[in-house]
Amino acid sequence: MTIFETFLTSFEAGEEDEEWGRRLYMRQLARLRPDEGALLEVEFGHVLEHDERAAQALVENYLRLEPYMARAARRAQERAQGSAGEVFVGLQGVPGAQGIRELRSDRIGQLSSVRGTVTRTSEVRPELVHGVFRCGECGTEVGPVEQQFRYTEPSVCDNPLCQNRMQWTLVANRSQFADWQRVRLQEDAAEIPAGSMPRSLDIIVRGALVERVKPGDRAQFAGALVAVPDGNTGVIAVAQPGDARDAAYRLAFVACHAQAAGTADAPLTQSERAEVAELAEGGAQTYARLVQSVAPTVFGHEDVKRGLLLQMLGGVHKQTREGMRLRGDINVCVVGDPGTAKSQFLKYVAGLLPRAVFTSGKASSAAGLTAAVVRDDETGEFT
């Protein structure tokens, strides 16, 4: 905890600030709101640059060290603002993103990165972070008690004359809650072996990470694998000697960072800005140049390229005088003989747009190409 706090308070990067100089994370902590769910984004490469041994320990024992990182962030925020609230530490830039099939039980608790396509998200729910409890025998309030992935009550009453260990009532208005959401991640179609069904993994996101990705997004998550009882993804198992035979477990992933593909903040370079400005000055020729840039390796078929370009850009929603609404988005049906580059056009669009998914008739069905509202088997809610 001391090493990570020293890193947050002393690491220098980026432009210089009048108050904090080049101390990047002290500047970020000073701007964080001291409320529940504040997220501090930390670049993993900065930790590696500051202390290589600490970064290696973080990779090997992330789940065990994560609470200490949060405490160090709260202490650093208190030094930056004079007060501190609940701070979640997110690690971005974790190297070596893996597919779902590559994650095994030997990586439980280690810092990992996983990629895939988001297929389902649950509603945002409150999760108890620190609970204050009232003794059922003498009425003494005990806490706050940090929750270790499950509902954790005090071990004994603070009143020396009571010694209660069993009867507790949660004081909700004095306890601390944070947002919680479950995301279903499915491996990308390109990573599915021939003849296999796509595999899925439950991702648990908290605090400011909720609602960051939507179904259909290609996303990458950083965090750690955990073992959960099969049938209850919201509770993380702590195995006791002898109980492994009595329960079935499966893998889930607790995320500390979530990033949808194509949403990274990458500013245009000077040459790219000049190229966009030159394109904008082309007038009527701009449309023709854009059409020619669609699948440039395919000769001809300009009408098909026009249709695909207009579908990718979208149109303007209109309303007639009679009040009828016309949507601006269009569907495109490409029909042609074999060998006329139909699939090449579709693969070009799928490679260009982050939310596009290429599929063929053999690998898809009518149900697989549409969004459906279904009832979750575990929670009973509609997703």
Protein backbone atom coordinates (compact mmCIF):
# COMPACT_ATOMS: atom_id res chain seq x y z
CA MET A 1 0.00 0.00 0.00
CA THR A 2 2.87 2.37 0.82
CA ILE A 3 4.53 1.72 -2.54
CA PHE A 4 1.32 2.45 -4.47
CA GLU A 5 0.61 5.57 -2.42
CA THR A 6 4.15 6.80 -3.13
CA PHE A 7 3.55 6.13 -6.82
CA LEU A 8 0.30 8.13 -6.85
CA THR A 9 1.77 11.09 -4.98
CA SER A 10 5.09 11.32 -6.82
CA PHE A 11 4.80 9.97 -10.38
CA GLU A 12 5.37 12.68 -12.99
CA ALA A 13 4.11 12.66 -16.57
CA GLY A 14 2.41 14.98 -19.05
CA GLU A 15 2.16 18.74 -18.94
CA GLU A 16 3.03 20.83 -15.90
CA ASP A 17 0.30 22.20 -13.65
CA GLU A 18 0.55 25.31 -11.47
CA GLU A 19 -0.57 23.51 -8.32
CA TRP A 20 0.72 19.95 -8.77
CA GLY A 21 3.49 20.38 -11.31
CA ARG A 22 3.83 17.21 -13.41
CA ARG A 23 2.40 14.92 -10.72
CA LEU A 24 -0.23 13.35 -12.96
CA TYR A 25 -2.26 11.31 -10.47
CA MET A 26 -2.31 13.93 -7.72
CA ARG A 27 -3.84 16.27 -10.28
CA GLN A 28 -6.45 13.64 -11.16
CA LEU A 29 -7.21 12.90 -7.51
CA ALA A 30 -7.68 16.61 -6.80
CA ARG A 31 -10.36 16.71 -9.52
CA LEU A 32 -12.23 13.59 -8.39
CA ARG A 33 -15.51 14.17 -6.62
CA PRO A 34 -15.30 12.73 -3.09
CA ASP A 35 -18.44 10.64 -3.53
CA GLU A 36 -19.25 7.00 -4.04
CA GLY A 37 -18.05 5.41 -7.26
CA ALA A 38 -15.20 7.79 -8.15
CA LEU A 39 -12.80 6.10 -10.60
CA LEU A 40 -9.07 6.78 -10.81
CA GLU A 41 -7.67 5.56 -14.15
CA VAL A 42 -4.06 4.41 -13.73
CA GLU A 43 -1.85 3.48 -16.67
CA PHE A 44 -0.21 0.09 -16.04
CA GLY A 45 2.87 1.21 -17.96
CA HIS A 46 3.38 4.01 -15.44
CA VAL A 47 3.37 1.51 -12.56
CA LEU A 48 5.88 -0.63 -14.46
CA GLU A 49 8.08 2.43 -15.04
CA HIS A 50 7.91 3.45 -11.36
CA ASP A 51 8.60 0.04 -9.78
CA GLU A 52 8.99 -3.09 -11.91
CA ARG A 53 8.81 -5.45 -8.92
CA ALA A 54 5.57 -3.83 -7.71
CA ALA A 55 4.07 -4.15 -11.19
CA GLN A 56 4.99 -7.85 -11.29
CA ALA A 57 3.45 -8.40 -7.86
CA LEU A 58 0.31 -6.64 -9.10
CA VAL A 59 0.08 -9.00 -12.05
CA GLU A 60 0.51 -12.14 -9.92
CA ASN A 61 -1.70 -11.14 -6.95
CA TYR A 62 -4.06 -8.45 -8.22
CA LEU A 63 -7.21 -9.65 -6.47
CA ARG A 64 -5.45 -9.76 -3.09
CA LEU A 65 -3.75 -6.38 -3.56
CA GLU A 66 -6.74 -4.50 -5.00
CA PRO A 67 -8.21 -3.44 -1.59
CA TYR A 68 -4.82 -2.03 -0.56
CA MET A 69 -4.64 -0.06 -3.83
CA ALA A 70 -8.05 1.47 -3.08
CA ARG A 71 -6.94 2.43 0.45
CA ALA A 72 -3.76 4.01 -0.93
CA ALA A 73 -5.85 5.98 -3.42
CA ARG A 74 -8.14 7.22 -0.62
CA ARG A 75 -5.12 8.34 1.44
CA ALA A 76 -3.64 10.12 -1.58
CA GLN A 77 -6.99 11.78 -2.31
CA GLU A 78 -7.15 12.96 1.30
CA ARG A 79 -3.77 14.61 0.82
CA ALA A 80 -4.97 16.21 -2.42
CA GLN A 81 -8.40 17.42 -1.25
CA GLY A 82 -8.35 17.26 2.55
CA SER A 83 -11.10 14.62 2.47
CA ALA A 84 -11.64 11.29 0.76
CA GLY A 85 -14.53 9.12 -0.34
CA GLU A 86 -14.80 5.72 -1.99
CA VAL A 87 -12.26 5.48 -4.82
CA PHE A 88 -12.06 2.66 -7.35
CA VAL A 89 -8.70 2.17 -9.05
CA GLY A 90 -8.86 1.16 -12.71
CA LEU A 91 -5.79 -0.19 -14.51
CA GLN A 92 -5.75 0.58 -18.23
CA GLY A 93 -3.20 -0.48 -20.80
CA VAL A 94 -2.80 -3.99 -19.36
CA PRO A 95 -0.79 -5.88 -22.02
CA GLY A 96 -1.68 -9.21 -23.57
CA ALA A 97 -5.45 -9.17 -24.18
CA GLN A 98 -6.66 -12.78 -24.32
CA GLY A 99 -9.65 -14.56 -25.75
CA ILE A 100 -12.19 -16.25 -23.49
CA ARG A 101 -10.91 -19.75 -24.36
CA GLU A 102 -7.41 -18.82 -23.18
CA LEU A 103 -8.52 -18.03 -19.61
CA ARG A 104 -8.11 -20.97 -17.24
CA SER A 105 -8.35 -21.54 -13.50
CA ASP A 106 -4.58 -21.09 -13.09
CA ARG A 107 -5.10 -17.36 -13.73
CA ILE A 108 -7.62 -16.87 -10.89
CA GLY A 109 -6.68 -13.75 -8.93
CA GLN A 110 -4.07 -12.57 -11.45
CA LEU A 111 -4.25 -9.33 -13.44
CA SER A 112 -5.56 -10.21 -16.90
CA SER A 113 -7.11 -8.61 -19.95
CA VAL A 114 -9.91 -10.23 -21.97
CA ARG A 115 -11.57 -9.20 -25.23
CA GLY A 116 -14.83 -10.13 -26.92
CA THR A 117 -18.28 -8.92 -27.97
CA VAL A 118 -20.85 -7.75 -25.41
CA THR A 119 -24.08 -9.68 -25.88
CA ARG A 120 -26.07 -8.85 -22.73
CA THR A 121 -26.06 -6.36 -19.87
CA SER A 122 -28.09 -6.47 -16.66
CA GLU A 123 -29.74 -3.53 -14.97
CA VAL A 124 -27.61 -1.45 -12.61
CA ARG A 125 -28.05 -2.53 -8.99
CA PRO A 126 -26.71 -1.27 -5.66
CA GLU A 127 -23.92 -3.22 -4.01
CA LEU A 128 -23.03 -2.91 -0.33
CA VAL A 129 -19.41 -1.67 0.00
CA HIS A 130 -19.16 -0.71 3.69
CA GLY A 131 -21.95 -1.75 6.04
CA VAL A 132 -22.95 -0.30 9.42
CA PHE A 133 -24.78 -2.81 11.61
CA ARG A 134 -26.92 -2.48 14.74
CA CYS A 135 -26.54 -5.11 17.43
CA GLY A 136 -29.75 -7.06 17.95
CA GLU A 137 -29.18 -7.42 21.71
CA CYS A 138 -27.85 -4.06 22.98
CA GLY A 139 -28.47 -1.70 20.02
CA THR A 140 -24.82 -0.66 19.58
CA GLU A 141 -23.89 0.37 16.03
CA VAL A 142 -20.81 -1.41 14.70
CA GLY A 143 -18.89 -0.54 11.55
CA PRO A 144 -18.28 0.32 8.87
CA VAL A 145 -17.52 -3.29 7.92
CA GLU A 146 -15.82 -3.77 4.55
CA GLN A 147 -17.65 -6.31 2.40
CA GLN A 148 -15.45 -9.00 0.89
CA PHE A 149 -17.54 -9.87 -2.21
CA ARG A 150 -20.25 -11.30 0.03
CA TYR A 151 -22.57 -10.09 2.80
CA THR A 152 -20.14 -9.75 5.73
CA GLU A 153 -21.41 -9.03 9.26
CA PRO A 154 -19.28 -8.00 12.28
CA SER A 155 -17.56 -10.85 14.10
CA VAL A 156 -18.45 -9.52 17.58
CA CYS A 157 -20.23 -6.54 19.14
CA ASP A 158 -18.05 -3.58 20.17
CA ASN A 159 -19.86 -3.38 23.52
CA PRO A 160 -17.65 -5.35 25.95
CA LEU A 161 -20.73 -6.26 28.04
CA CYS A 162 -22.63 -7.73 25.08
CA GLN A 163 -20.47 -10.17 23.08
CA ASN A 164 -23.20 -10.68 20.45
CA ARG A 165 -22.00 -12.56 17.36
CA MET A 166 -25.19 -13.53 15.49
CA GLN A 167 -28.03 -10.98 15.65
CA TRP A 168 -27.36 -7.98 13.37
CA THR A 169 -29.49 -5.47 11.47
CA LEU A 170 -28.07 -3.45 8.57
CA VAL A 171 -28.39 0.35 9.03
CA ALA A 172 -28.93 1.20 5.36
CA ASN A 173 -28.91 5.01 5.67
CA ARG A 174 -25.45 4.95 7.25
CA SER A 175 -23.98 2.25 5.04
CA GLN A 176 -22.19 2.85 1.75
CA PHE A 177 -23.41 1.44 -1.57
CA ALA A 178 -21.99 1.49 -5.08
CA ASP A 179 -23.39 0.65 -8.52
CA TRP A 180 -23.00 -2.91 -9.80
CA GLN A 181 -23.72 -4.48 -13.19
CA ARG A 182 -23.19 -7.81 -14.89
CA VAL A 183 -22.07 -7.95 -18.53
CA ARG A 184 -22.10 -11.07 -20.70
CA LEU A 185 -19.05 -11.23 -22.99
CA GLN A 186 -18.91 -13.62 -25.94
CA GLU A 187 -15.81 -14.49 -27.94
CA ASP A 188 -15.48 -12.92 -31.38
CA ALA A 189 -16.59 -14.96 -34.37
CA ALA A 190 -13.05 -15.02 -35.77
CA GLU A 191 -11.76 -16.80 -32.63
CA ILE A 192 -14.30 -19.65 -32.64
CA PRO A 193 -12.72 -22.94 -33.81
CA ALA A 194 -14.45 -24.72 -36.66
CA GLY A 195 -17.42 -26.76 -35.46
CA SER A 196 -17.49 -25.16 -31.99
CA MET A 197 -20.10 -23.06 -30.24
CA PRO A 198 -19.13 -19.58 -29.04
CA ARG A 199 -18.20 -19.36 -25.36
CA SER A 200 -19.31 -16.63 -22.95
CA LEU A 201 -17.96 -15.13 -19.74
CA ASP A 202 -19.72 -13.05 -17.09
CA ILE A 203 -18.02 -9.70 -16.39
CA ILE A 204 -18.73 -7.88 -13.11
CA VAL A 205 -18.33 -4.11 -13.34
CA ARG A 206 -18.67 -1.62 -10.49
CA GLY A 207 -18.85 2.11 -9.82
CA ALA A 208 -18.09 4.36 -12.76
CA LEU A 209 -17.62 1.35 -15.08
CA VAL A 210 -21.35 0.56 -15.25
CA GLU A 211 -23.12 1.43 -18.51
CA ARG A 212 -19.73 1.98 -20.18
CA VAL A 213 -20.35 -0.72 -22.80
CA LYS A 214 -23.54 -1.72 -24.60
CA PRO A 215 -24.70 -4.95 -26.24
CA GLY A 216 -23.07 -5.24 -29.64
CA ASP A 217 -19.85 -3.48 -28.63
CA ARG A 218 -16.51 -5.14 -29.16
CA ALA A 219 -14.90 -4.49 -25.80
CA GLN A 220 -11.79 -5.17 -23.77
CA PHE A 221 -11.78 -5.56 -19.99
CA ALA A 222 -8.92 -5.57 -17.47
CA GLY A 223 -9.29 -7.22 -14.09
CA ALA A 224 -9.06 -10.68 -12.54
CA LEU A 225 -10.72 -14.07 -12.85
CA VAL A 226 -12.69 -15.31 -9.84
CA ALA A 227 -14.50 -18.54 -8.98
CA VAL A 228 -18.23 -18.21 -8.40
CA PRO A 229 -20.83 -20.79 -7.37
CA ASP A 230 -22.62 -22.00 -10.47
CA GLY A 231 -26.00 -20.27 -10.56
CA ASN A 232 -25.05 -17.14 -8.59
CA THR A 233 -22.65 -14.77 -10.33
CA GLY A 234 -23.02 -12.00 -7.78
CA VAL A 235 -21.28 -13.86 -4.93
CA ILE A 236 -17.63 -14.83 -5.13
CA ALA A 237 -16.74 -18.13 -3.52
CA VAL A 238 -14.21 -18.51 -0.74
CA ALA A 239 -13.55 -22.25 -0.76
CA GLN A 240 -13.21 -23.96 2.60
CA PRO A 241 -11.53 -27.34 3.17
CA GLY A 242 -13.91 -30.15 2.33
CA ASP A 243 -16.62 -28.09 0.61
CA ALA A 244 -15.23 -28.35 -2.94
CA ARG A 245 -17.20 -31.56 -3.48
CA ASP A 246 -20.46 -29.98 -2.36
CA ALA A 247 -20.66 -27.10 -4.86
CA ALA A 248 -20.04 -26.53 -8.56
CA TYR A 249 -18.09 -23.45 -9.60
CA ARG A 250 -17.53 -21.51 -12.77
CA LEU A 251 -15.31 -18.63 -13.82
CA ALA A 252 -16.33 -14.98 -13.85
CA PHE A 253 -14.29 -11.81 -14.34
CA VAL A 254 -14.18 -8.81 -11.99
CA ALA A 255 -13.25 -5.80 -14.14
CA CYS A 256 -11.31 -2.73 -13.08
CA HIS A 257 -11.29 -1.19 -16.57
CA ALA A 258 -13.66 -1.38 -19.53
CA GLN A 259 -13.11 0.01 -23.00
CA ALA A 260 -15.32 -0.38 -26.06
CA ALA A 261 -13.45 -0.68 -29.34
CA GLY A 262 -13.32 2.54 -31.31
CA THR A 263 -14.04 4.80 -28.28
CA ALA A 264 -10.45 5.50 -27.29
CA ASP A 265 -9.57 9.17 -27.22
CA ALA A 266 -7.09 9.38 -30.14
CA PRO A 267 -6.77 12.95 -31.46
CA LEU A 268 -6.09 13.53 -35.15
CA THR A 269 -2.54 14.30 -36.16
CA GLN A 270 -1.68 17.49 -38.02
CA SER A 271 -1.41 15.66 -41.36
CA GLU A 272 -4.77 13.96 -40.80
CA ARG A 273 -6.41 17.31 -40.04
CA ALA A 274 -4.96 18.75 -43.25
CA GLU A 275 -6.27 15.75 -45.22
CA VAL A 276 -9.79 16.16 -43.77
CA ALA A 277 -9.75 19.91 -44.55
CA GLU A 278 -8.63 19.19 -48.11
CA LEU A 279 -11.41 16.62 -48.52
CA ALA A 280 -14.01 19.08 -47.22
CA GLU A 281 -13.00 21.65 -49.82
CA GLY A 282 -13.65 19.21 -52.66
CA GLY A 283 -17.30 20.21 -52.98
CA ALA A 284 -19.25 17.89 -55.29
CA GLN A 285 -16.17 15.70 -55.78
CA THR A 286 -16.13 14.74 -52.08
CA TYR A 287 -18.95 12.22 -52.54
CA ALA A 288 -17.22 10.60 -55.53
CA ARG A 289 -13.91 10.35 -53.66
CA LEU A 290 -15.63 8.72 -50.68
CA VAL A 291 -17.33 6.20 -52.98
CA GLN A 292 -14.00 5.30 -54.56
CA SER A 293 -12.47 4.76 -51.12
CA VAL A 294 -14.98 2.01 -50.23
CA ALA A 295 -13.28 -1.39 -50.72
CA PRO A 296 -10.63 0.10 -53.05
CA THR A 297 -9.23 -3.36 -53.86
CA VAL A 298 -12.49 -4.26 -55.65
CA PHE A 299 -12.73 -2.85 -59.18
CA GLY A 300 -15.95 -1.20 -60.32
CA HIS A 301 -19.36 -1.86 -58.70
CA GLU A 302 -19.79 1.86 -57.95
CA ASP A 303 -23.53 1.51 -57.32
CA VAL A 304 -22.89 -1.14 -54.66
CA LYS A 305 -20.23 1.07 -53.07
CA ARG A 306 -22.65 4.03 -53.01
CA GLY A 307 -25.24 1.93 -51.21
CA LEU A 308 -22.75 0.68 -48.61
CA LEU A 309 -21.38 4.19 -48.03
CA LEU A 310 -24.86 5.64 -47.48
CA GLN A 311 -25.73 2.80 -45.11
CA MET A 312 -22.55 3.36 -43.05
CA LEU A 313 -23.06 7.13 -42.78
CA GLY A 314 -26.81 6.99 -42.14
CA GLY A 315 -29.39 9.53 -43.20
CA VAL A 316 -31.68 12.17 -41.75
CA HIS A 317 -34.92 11.21 -40.02
CA LYS A 318 -37.85 13.01 -41.67
CA GLN A 319 -41.50 13.65 -40.88
CA THR A 320 -44.12 14.21 -43.60
CA ARG A 321 -46.93 16.77 -43.45
CA GLU A 322 -49.33 14.00 -42.51
CA GLY A 323 -47.19 13.21 -39.44
CA MET A 324 -45.64 10.02 -40.81
CA ARG A 325 -42.05 9.51 -39.64
CA LEU A 326 -39.46 8.21 -42.08
CA ARG A 327 -36.27 6.81 -40.68
CA GLY A 328 -32.98 7.85 -42.21
CA ASP A 329 -31.23 4.49 -41.83
CA ILE A 330 -31.43 2.06 -44.74
CA ASN A 331 -30.94 -1.64 -45.38
CA VAL A 332 -28.86 -2.85 -48.32
CA CYS A 333 -29.38 -6.17 -50.14
CA VAL A 334 -26.47 -7.20 -52.38
CA VAL A 335 -27.42 -9.82 -54.99
CA GLY A 336 -25.05 -11.26 -57.56
CA ASP A 337 -23.39 -14.26 -59.11
CA PRO A 338 -20.71 -16.19 -57.22
CA GLY A 339 -17.28 -14.58 -57.37
CA THR A 340 -18.52 -10.98 -57.74
CA ALA A 341 -16.96 -9.82 -54.40
CA LYS A 342 -20.15 -9.71 -52.32
CA SER A 343 -18.40 -11.12 -49.25
CA GLN A 344 -15.42 -8.84 -49.81
CA PHE A 345 -17.69 -5.81 -49.54
CA LEU A 346 -19.23 -7.11 -46.31
CA LYS A 347 -15.83 -7.94 -44.79
CA TYR A 348 -14.59 -4.44 -45.63
CA VAL A 349 -17.54 -2.88 -43.75
CA ALA A 350 -17.08 -5.26 -40.80
CA GLY A 351 -13.39 -4.37 -40.57
CA LEU A 352 -14.10 -0.63 -40.72
CA LEU A 353 -16.94 -0.25 -38.19
CA PRO A 354 -16.45 -1.40 -34.57
CA ARG A 355 -20.05 -2.58 -34.05
CA ALA A 356 -20.32 -4.45 -37.38
CA VAL A 357 -20.32 -8.26 -37.30
CA PHE A 358 -19.66 -10.36 -40.40
CA THR A 359 -21.56 -13.63 -40.63
CA SER A 360 -22.50 -16.13 -43.30
CA GLY A 361 -25.54 -18.32 -43.86
CA LYS A 362 -23.87 -21.42 -42.47
CA ALA A 363 -22.87 -19.78 -39.18
CA SER A 364 -26.01 -17.80 -38.43
CA SER A 365 -29.75 -18.11 -38.07
CA ALA A 366 -32.64 -15.67 -38.10
CA ALA A 367 -32.57 -15.54 -34.29
CA GLY A 368 -28.81 -14.94 -34.26
CA LEU A 369 -29.07 -11.80 -36.38
CA THR A 370 -31.71 -9.99 -34.31
CA ALA A 371 -31.80 -8.48 -30.85
CA ALA A 372 -34.21 -10.19 -28.47
CA VAL A 373 -35.57 -9.35 -25.02
CA VAL A 374 -35.25 -12.50 -22.91
CA ARG A 375 -35.74 -13.38 -19.24
CA ASP A 376 -32.56 -14.16 -17.35
CA ASP A 377 -32.62 -17.70 -15.91
CA GLU A 378 -30.82 -16.70 -12.70
CA THR A 379 -32.36 -13.36 -11.76
CA GLY A 380 -35.72 -13.49 -13.54
CA GLU A 381 -35.24 -9.99 -14.98
CA PHE A 382 -35.57 -9.09 -18.66
CA THR A 383 -32.34 -8.38 -20.56
